[in-house]
Each structure stands twice: as C-alpha cells, then as structure tokens.
Amino acid sequence: MESDVTKSIRSVIASCEGDSEFNDYHLVDYLTGEFLEEQYKGQRVLAGQASSLKKMLDRHASLGEFIYDKKLLGMDI
C-alpha cells in the first residue's frame, strides 16, 4: 500500500509540474517535503522489517517467526 500511495502522490506532483499554465510549485514543494519524505521512510522501515523476518525464518524456521514477533513487540525472550 505504501508504494501505491507514493505513486499517487508522484502523479499529483507530475500533474502540478506538467502544464506550464497551471504550475503549482507550492503544492509540489509541500507534497515532496511533507508527504514523500514520510512515504519513503515508511517504505524503508517496512523493507527492513520484511528483510529481518526473512532472515529469522531462514535461520530458525518456524521458530524465527515467534522470535521476530517477540522482538517486534519489544519483549525480551
């Protein structure tokens, strides 16, 4: 879903930049500064979590998911 939202924001930005008659530089600046930065951070966090889960599953099989859940919740095992 993060990718879809990012693509939607980028399409709005492209629309704002595309037509020389209706350029909205302020909206482009706002969207890139506020929303795109947050989207990219969210995507990096999710990618890191997915990578960690895959590594845990590869190393510990089904126990890896349990360990990952405990780590994600911040509980000590």
PDB file of N, CA and C in Angstrom:
ATOM      1  N   MET A   1       0.822  -1.190   0.000  1.00  0.00           N
ATOM      2  CA  MET A   1       0.000   0.000   0.000  1.00  0.00           C
ATOM      3  C   MET A   1       0.870   1.259   0.000  1.00  0.00           C
ATOM      4  N   GLU A   2       2.007   1.188   0.679  1.00  0.00           N
ATOM      5  CA  GLU A   2       2.898   2.348   0.704  1.00  0.00           C
ATOM      6  C   GLU A   2       3.330   2.733  -0.713  1.00  0.00           C
ATOM      7  N   SER A   3       3.621   1.742  -1.532  1.00  0.00           N
ATOM      8  CA  SER A   3       4.038   2.015  -2.918  1.00  0.00           C
ATOM      9  C   SER A   3       2.922   2.675  -3.713  1.00  0.00           C
ATOM     10  N   ASP A   4       1.702   2.207  -3.511  1.00  0.00           N
ATOM     11  CA  ASP A   4       0.563   2.784  -4.234  1.00  0.00           C
ATOM     12  C   ASP A   4       0.339   4.243  -3.837  1.00  0.00           C
ATOM     13  N   VAL A   5       0.453   4.522  -2.547  1.00  0.00           N
ATOM     14  CA  VAL A   5       0.277   5.900  -2.082  1.00  0.00           C
ATOM     15  C   VAL A   5       1.381   6.786  -2.650  1.00  0.00           C
ATOM     16  N   THR A   6       2.610   6.280  -2.656  1.00  0.00           N
ATOM     17  CA  THR A   6       3.727   7.045  -3.199  1.00  0.00           C
ATOM     18  C   THR A   6       3.517   7.332  -4.682  1.00  0.00           C
ATOM     19  N   LYS A   7       3.059   6.337  -5.434  1.00  0.00           N
ATOM     20  CA  LYS A   7       2.787   6.538  -6.861  1.00  0.00           C
ATOM     21  C   LYS A   7       1.694   7.580  -7.070  1.00  0.00           C
ATOM     22  N   SER A   8       0.678   7.552  -6.221  1.00  0.00           N
ATOM     23  CA  SER A   8      -0.405   8.535  -6.334  1.00  0.00           C
ATOM     24  C   SER A   8       0.100   9.947  -6.060  1.00  0.00           C
ATOM     25  N   ILE A   9       0.923  10.090  -5.028  1.00  0.00           N
ATOM     26  CA  ILE A   9       1.487  11.407  -4.720  1.00  0.00           C
ATOM     27  C   ILE A   9       2.352  11.883  -5.872  1.00  0.00           C
ATOM     28  N   ARG A  10       3.150  10.975  -6.440  1.00  0.00           N
ATOM     29  CA  ARG A  10       4.015  11.347  -7.562  1.00  0.00           C
ATOM     30  C   ARG A  10       3.191  11.749  -8.783  1.00  0.00           C
ATOM     31  N   SER A  11       2.040  11.125  -8.997  1.00  0.00           N
ATOM     32  CA  SER A  11       1.203  11.509 -10.137  1.00  0.00           C
ATOM     33  C   SER A  11       0.589  12.891  -9.925  1.00  0.00           C
ATOM     34  N   VAL A  12       0.225  13.223  -8.694  1.00  0.00           N
ATOM     35  CA  VAL A  12      -0.276  14.567  -8.403  1.00  0.00           C
ATOM     36  C   VAL A  12       0.834  15.590  -8.640  1.00  0.00           C
ATOM     37  N   ILE A  13       2.051  15.253  -8.212  1.00  0.00           N
ATOM     38  CA  ILE A  13       3.192  16.144  -8.427  1.00  0.00           C
ATOM     39  C   ILE A  13       3.433  16.350  -9.922  1.00  0.00           C
ATOM     40  N   ALA A  14       3.362  15.270 -10.689  1.00  0.00           N
ATOM     41  CA  ALA A  14       3.557  15.374 -12.142  1.00  0.00           C
ATOM     42  C   ALA A  14       2.486  16.257 -12.771  1.00  0.00           C
ATOM     43  N   SER A  15       1.259  16.152 -12.282  1.00  0.00           N
ATOM     44  CA  SER A  15       0.182  16.996 -12.800  1.00  0.00           C
ATOM     45  C   SER A  15       0.428  18.464 -12.480  1.00  0.00           C
ATOM     46  N   CYS A  16       0.946  18.714 -11.299  1.00  0.00           N
ATOM     47  CA  CYS A  16       1.225  20.097 -10.887  1.00  0.00           C
ATOM     48  C   CYS A  16       2.386  20.700 -11.676  1.00  0.00           C
ATOM     49  N   GLU A  17       3.335  19.874 -12.092  1.00  0.00           N
ATOM     50  CA  GLU A  17       4.502  20.360 -12.811  1.00  0.00           C
ATOM     51  C   GLU A  17       4.302  20.362 -14.319  1.00  0.00           C
ATOM     52  N   GLY A  18       3.356  19.570 -14.808  1.00  0.00           N
ATOM     53  CA  GLY A  18       3.246  19.326 -16.242  1.00  0.00           C
ATOM     54  C   GLY A  18       2.837  20.497 -17.098  1.00  0.00           C
ATOM     55  N   ASP A  19       1.740  21.122 -16.796  1.00  0.00           N
ATOM     56  CA  ASP A  19       1.193  22.174 -17.649  1.00  0.00           C
ATOM     57  C   ASP A  19       1.759  23.521 -17.214  1.00  0.00           C
ATOM     58  N   SER A  20       2.376  24.223 -18.134  1.00  0.00           N
ATOM     59  CA  SER A  20       3.015  25.500 -17.791  1.00  0.00           C
ATOM     60  C   SER A  20       1.995  26.556 -17.361  1.00  0.00           C
ATOM     61  N   GLU A  21       0.749  26.407 -17.789  1.00  0.00           N
ATOM     62  CA  GLU A  21      -0.274  27.376 -17.414  1.00  0.00           C
ATOM     63  C   GLU A  21      -0.731  27.200 -15.970  1.00  0.00           C
ATOM     64  N   PHE A  22      -0.694  25.965 -15.487  1.00  0.00           N
ATOM     65  CA  PHE A  22      -1.215  25.680 -14.155  1.00  0.00           C
ATOM     66  C   PHE A  22      -0.145  25.104 -13.228  1.00  0.00           C
ATOM     67  N   ASN A  23       1.078  25.546 -13.318  1.00  0.00           N
ATOM     68  CA  ASN A  23       2.131  25.089 -12.414  1.00  0.00           C
ATOM     69  C   ASN A  23       1.801  25.507 -10.989  1.00  0.00           C
ATOM     70  N   ASP A  24       1.943  24.582 -10.083  1.00  0.00           N
ATOM     71  CA  ASP A  24       1.704  24.880  -8.673  1.00  0.00           C
ATOM     72  C   ASP A  24       2.939  24.442  -7.895  1.00  0.00           C
ATOM     73  N   TYR A  25       3.941  25.289  -7.906  1.00  0.00           N
ATOM     74  CA  TYR A  25       5.214  24.960  -7.273  1.00  0.00           C
ATOM     75  C   TYR A  25       5.083  24.816  -5.759  1.00  0.00           C
ATOM     76  N   HIS A  26       4.165  25.569  -5.173  1.00  0.00           N
ATOM     77  CA  HIS A  26       3.987  25.500  -3.725  1.00  0.00           C
ATOM     78  C   HIS A  26       3.431  24.139  -3.303  1.00  0.00           C
ATOM     79  N   LEU A  27       2.480  23.634  -4.060  1.00  0.00           N
ATOM     80  CA  LEU A  27       1.938  22.314  -3.752  1.00  0.00           C
ATOM     81  C   LEU A  27       2.985  21.231  -3.967  1.00  0.00           C
ATOM     82  N   VAL A  28       3.765  21.346  -5.036  1.00  0.00           N
ATOM     83  CA  VAL A  28       4.836  20.379  -5.299  1.00  0.00           C
ATOM     84  C   VAL A  28       5.825  20.378  -4.142  1.00  0.00           C
ATOM     85  N   ASP A  29       6.213  21.560  -3.688  1.00  0.00           N
ATOM     86  CA  ASP A  29       7.151  21.671  -2.573  1.00  0.00           C
ATOM     87  C   ASP A  29       6.556  21.058  -1.305  1.00  0.00           C
ATOM     88  N   TYR A  30       5.294  21.335  -1.048  1.00  0.00           N
ATOM     89  CA  TYR A  30       4.625  20.796   0.135  1.00  0.00           C
ATOM     90  C   TYR A  30       4.539  19.276   0.068  1.00  0.00           C
ATOM     91  N   LEU A  31       4.130  18.739  -1.072  1.00  0.00           N
ATOM     92  CA  LEU A  31       3.988  17.290  -1.211  1.00  0.00           C
ATOM     93  C   LEU A  31       5.331  16.581  -1.100  1.00  0.00           C
ATOM     94  N   THR A  32       6.351  17.128  -1.736  1.00  0.00           N
ATOM     95  CA  THR A  32       7.660  16.473  -1.670  1.00  0.00           C
ATOM     96  C   THR A  32       8.262  16.589  -0.287  1.00  0.00           C
ATOM     97  N   GLY A  33       8.074  17.722   0.365  1.00  0.00           N
ATOM     98  CA  GLY A  33       8.668  17.920   1.690  1.00  0.00           C
ATOM     99  C   GLY A  33       7.955  17.178   2.789  1.00  0.00           C
ATOM    100  N   GLU A  34       6.638  17.177   2.765  1.00  0.00           N
ATOM    101  CA  GLU A  34       5.863  16.579   3.850  1.00  0.00           C
ATOM    102  C   GLU A  34       5.521  15.109   3.604  1.00  0.00           C
ATOM    103  N   PHE A  35       4.931  14.837   2.488  1.00  0.00           N
ATOM    104  CA  PHE A  35       4.367  13.512   2.267  1.00  0.00           C
ATOM    105  C   PHE A  35       5.353  12.505   1.687  1.00  0.00           C
ATOM    106  N   LEU A  36       6.103  12.892   0.681  1.00  0.00           N
ATOM    107  CA  LEU A  36       7.016  11.924   0.062  1.00  0.00           C
ATOM    108  C   LEU A  36       8.101  11.473   1.028  1.00  0.00           C
ATOM    109  N   GLU A  37       8.608  12.390   1.826  1.00  0.00           N
ATOM    110  CA  GLU A  37       9.634  12.021   2.808  1.00  0.00           C
ATOM    111  C   GLU A  37       9.085  10.981   3.779  1.00  0.00           C
ATOM    112  N   GLU A  38       7.861  11.182   4.256  1.00  0.00           N
ATOM    113  CA  GLU A  38       7.240  10.227   5.169  1.00  0.00           C
ATOM    114  C   GLU A  38       6.996   8.882   4.479  1.00  0.00           C
ATOM    115  N   GLN A  39       6.575   8.921   3.232  1.00  0.00           N
ATOM    116  CA  GLN A  39       6.341   7.684   2.485  1.00  0.00           C
ATOM    117  C   GLN A  39       7.633   6.891   2.318  1.00  0.00           C
ATOM    118  N   TYR A  40       8.709   7.578   1.957  1.00  0.00           N
ATOM    119  CA  TYR A  40       9.985   6.888   1.768  1.00  0.00           C
ATOM    120  C   TYR A  40      10.493   6.289   3.077  1.00  0.00           C
ATOM    121  N   LYS A  41      10.306   7.005   4.177  1.00  0.00           N
ATOM    122  CA  LYS A  41      10.707   6.470   5.483  1.00  0.00           C
ATOM    123  C   LYS A  41       9.900   5.218   5.799  1.00  0.00           C
ATOM    124  N   GLY A  42       8.599   5.288   5.558  1.00  0.00           N
ATOM    125  CA  GLY A  42       7.735   4.134   5.814  1.00  0.00           C
ATOM    126  C   GLY A  42       8.116   2.932   4.976  1.00  0.00           C
ATOM    127  N   GLN A  43       8.458   3.162   3.722  1.00  0.00           N
ATOM    128  CA  GLN A  43       8.863   2.068   2.847  1.00  0.00           C
ATOM    129  C   GLN A  43      10.179   1.452   3.319  1.00  0.00           C
ATOM    130  N   ARG A  44      11.111   2.297   3.770  1.00  0.00           N
ATOM    131  CA  ARG A  44      12.386   1.770   4.271  1.00  0.00           C
ATOM    132  C   ARG A  44      12.177   0.927   5.523  1.00  0.00           C
ATOM    133  N   VAL A  45      11.312   1.385   6.422  1.00  0.00           N
ATOM    134  CA  VAL A  45      11.032   0.636   7.650  1.00  0.00           C
ATOM    135  C   VAL A  45      10.406  -0.717   7.314  1.00  0.00           C
ATOM    136  N   LEU A  46       9.418  -0.711   6.437  1.00  0.00           N
ATOM    137  CA  LEU A  46       8.755  -1.965   6.060  1.00  0.00           C
ATOM    138  C   LEU A  46       9.714  -2.918   5.351  1.00  0.00           C
ATOM    139  N   ALA A  47      10.560  -2.385   4.486  1.00  0.00           N
ATOM    140  CA  ALA A  47      11.532  -3.232   3.793  1.00  0.00           C
ATOM    141  C   ALA A  47      12.513  -3.842   4.796  1.00  0.00           C
ATOM    142  N   GLY A  48      12.932  -3.064   5.769  1.00  0.00           N
ATOM    143  CA  GLY A  48      13.835  -3.576   6.804  1.00  0.00           C
ATOM    144  C   GLY A  48      13.177  -4.654   7.646  1.00  0.00           C
ATOM    145  N   GLN A  49      11.924  -4.456   8.001  1.00  0.00           N
ATOM    146  CA  GLN A  49      11.202  -5.457   8.785  1.00  0.00           C
ATOM    147  C   GLN A  49      11.000  -6.738   7.992  1.00  0.00           C
ATOM    148  N   ALA A  50      10.660  -6.613   6.727  1.00  0.00           N
ATOM    149  CA  ALA A  50      10.484  -7.796   5.883  1.00  0.00           C
ATOM    150  C   ALA A  50      11.794  -8.556   5.735  1.00  0.00           C
ATOM    151  N   SER A  51      12.878  -7.825   5.581  1.00  0.00           N
ATOM    152  CA  SER A  51      14.195  -8.456   5.466  1.00  0.00           C
ATOM    153  C   SER A  51      14.573  -9.183   6.756  1.00  0.00           C
ATOM    154  N   SER A  52      14.319  -8.547   7.886  1.00  0.00           N
ATOM    155  CA  SER A  52      14.619  -9.176   9.176  1.00  0.00           C
ATOM    156  C   SER A  52      13.804 -10.449   9.374  1.00  0.00           C
ATOM    157  N   LEU A  53      12.533 -10.402   9.024  1.00  0.00           N
ATOM    158  CA  LEU A  53      11.685 -11.580   9.166  1.00  0.00           C
ATOM    159  C   LEU A  53      12.177 -12.708   8.271  1.00  0.00           C
ATOM    160  N   LYS A  54      12.547 -12.389   7.046  1.00  0.00           N
ATOM    161  CA  LYS A  54      13.049 -13.418   6.134  1.00  0.00           C
ATOM    162  C   LYS A  54      14.315 -14.062   6.691  1.00  0.00           C
ATOM    163  N   LYS A  55      15.219 -13.243   7.225  1.00  0.00           N
ATOM    164  CA  LYS A  55      16.453 -13.787   7.807  1.00  0.00           C
ATOM    165  C   LYS A  55      16.149 -14.686   8.993  1.00  0.00           C
ATOM    166  N   MET A  56      15.216 -14.263   9.838  1.00  0.00           N
ATOM    167  CA  MET A  56      14.849 -15.064  11.011  1.00  0.00           C
ATOM    168  C   MET A  56      14.230 -16.392  10.584  1.00  0.00           C
ATOM    169  N   LEU A  57      13.374 -16.353   9.564  1.00  0.00           N
ATOM    170  CA  LEU A  57      12.754 -17.591   9.077  1.00  0.00           C
ATOM    171  C   LEU A  57      13.789 -18.516   8.447  1.00  0.00           C
ATOM    172  N   ASP A  58      14.753 -17.943   7.723  1.00  0.00           N
ATOM    173  CA  ASP A  58      15.795 -18.758   7.090  1.00  0.00           C
ATOM    174  C   ASP A  58      16.680 -19.436   8.134  1.00  0.00           C
ATOM    175  N   ARG A  59      16.970 -18.730   9.201  1.00  0.00           N
ATOM    176  CA  ARG A  59      17.882 -19.268  10.217  1.00  0.00           C
ATOM    177  C   ARG A  59      17.201 -20.190  11.217  1.00  0.00           C
ATOM    178  N   HIS A  60      15.947 -19.867  11.567  1.00  0.00           N
ATOM    179  CA  HIS A  60      15.304 -20.585  12.674  1.00  0.00           C
ATOM    180  C   HIS A  60      13.993 -21.258  12.287  1.00  0.00           C
ATOM    181  N   ALA A  61      13.678 -21.318  11.031  1.00  0.00           N
ATOM    182  CA  ALA A  61      12.434 -21.934  10.525  1.00  0.00           C
ATOM    183  C   ALA A  61      11.224 -21.292  11.210  1.00  0.00           C
ATOM    184  N   SER A  62      10.248 -22.088  11.631  1.00  0.00           N
ATOM    185  CA  SER A  62       9.022 -21.518  12.196  1.00  0.00           C
ATOM    186  C   SER A  62       9.259 -20.827  13.533  1.00  0.00           C
ATOM    187  N   LEU A  63      10.301 -21.207  14.246  1.00  0.00           N
ATOM    188  CA  LEU A  63      10.637 -20.525  15.494  1.00  0.00           C
ATOM    189  C   LEU A  63      11.061 -19.078  15.216  1.00  0.00           C
ATOM    190  N   GLY A  64      11.597 -18.835  14.038  1.00  0.00           N
ATOM    191  CA  GLY A  64      12.022 -17.490  13.656  1.00  0.00           C
ATOM    192  C   GLY A  64      10.891 -16.492  13.678  1.00  0.00           C
ATOM    193  N   GLU A  65       9.708 -16.913  13.267  1.00  0.00           N
ATOM    194  CA  GLU A  65       8.549 -16.016  13.285  1.00  0.00           C
ATOM    195  C   GLU A  65       8.190 -15.643  14.716  1.00  0.00           C
ATOM    196  N   PHE A  66       8.228 -16.608  15.616  1.00  0.00           N
ATOM    197  CA  PHE A  66       7.948 -16.359  17.026  1.00  0.00           C
ATOM    198  C   PHE A  66       8.971 -15.373  17.602  1.00  0.00           C
ATOM    199  N   ILE A  67      10.246 -15.604  17.319  1.00  0.00           N
ATOM    200  CA  ILE A  67      11.308 -14.725  17.810  1.00  0.00           C
ATOM    201  C   ILE A  67      11.137 -13.314  17.240  1.00  0.00           C
ATOM    202  N   TYR A  68      10.814 -13.234  15.964  1.00  0.00           N
ATOM    203  CA  TYR A  68      10.616 -11.932  15.322  1.00  0.00           C
ATOM    204  C   TYR A  68       9.444 -11.188  15.964  1.00  0.00           C
ATOM    205  N   ASP A  69       8.332 -11.886  16.211  1.00  0.00           N
ATOM    206  CA  ASP A  69       7.178 -11.252  16.841  1.00  0.00           C
ATOM    207  C   ASP A  69       7.541 -10.701  18.213  1.00  0.00           C
ATOM    208  N   LYS A  70       8.296 -11.455  18.974  1.00  0.00           N
ATOM    209  CA  LYS A  70       8.704 -11.005  20.303  1.00  0.00           C
ATOM    210  C   LYS A  70       9.608  -9.791  20.190  1.00  0.00           C
ATOM    211  N   LYS A  71      10.516  -9.802  19.227  1.00  0.00           N
ATOM    212  CA  LYS A  71      11.417  -8.685  19.021  1.00  0.00           C
ATOM    213  C   LYS A  71      10.647  -7.453  18.564  1.00  0.00           C
ATOM    214  N   LEU A  72       9.662  -7.655  17.679  1.00  0.00           N
ATOM    215  CA  LEU A  72       8.864  -6.551  17.154  1.00  0.00           C
ATOM    216  C   LEU A  72       8.055  -5.887  18.262  1.00  0.00           C
ATOM    217  N   LEU A  73       7.562  -6.688  19.190  1.00  0.00           N
ATOM    218  CA  LEU A  73       6.776  -6.158  20.295  1.00  0.00           C
ATOM    219  C   LEU A  73       7.657  -5.590  21.401  1.00  0.00           C
ATOM    220  N   GLY A  74       8.966  -5.772  21.290  1.00  0.00           N
ATOM    221  CA  GLY A  74       9.884  -5.227  22.264  1.00  0.00           C
ATOM    222  C   GLY A  74       9.965  -6.037  23.550  1.00  0.00           C
ATOM    223  N   MET A  75       9.591  -7.296  23.474  1.00  0.00           N
ATOM    224  CA  MET A  75       9.642  -8.152  24.657  1.00  0.00           C
ATOM    225  C   MET A  75      10.960  -8.899  24.685  1.00  0.00           C
ATOM    226  N   ASP A  76      11.454  -9.105  25.855  1.00  0.00           N
ATOM    227  CA  ASP A  76      12.658  -9.933  25.998  1.00  0.00           C
ATOM    228  C   ASP A  76      12.241 -11.391  25.974  1.00  0.00           C
ATOM    229  N   ILE A  77      13.063 -12.211  25.362  1.00  0.00           N
ATOM    230  CA  ILE A  77      12.750 -13.647  25.273  1.00  0.00           C
ATOM    231  C   ILE A  77      13.400 -14.366  26.408  1.00  0.00           C
TER     232      ILE A  77
END
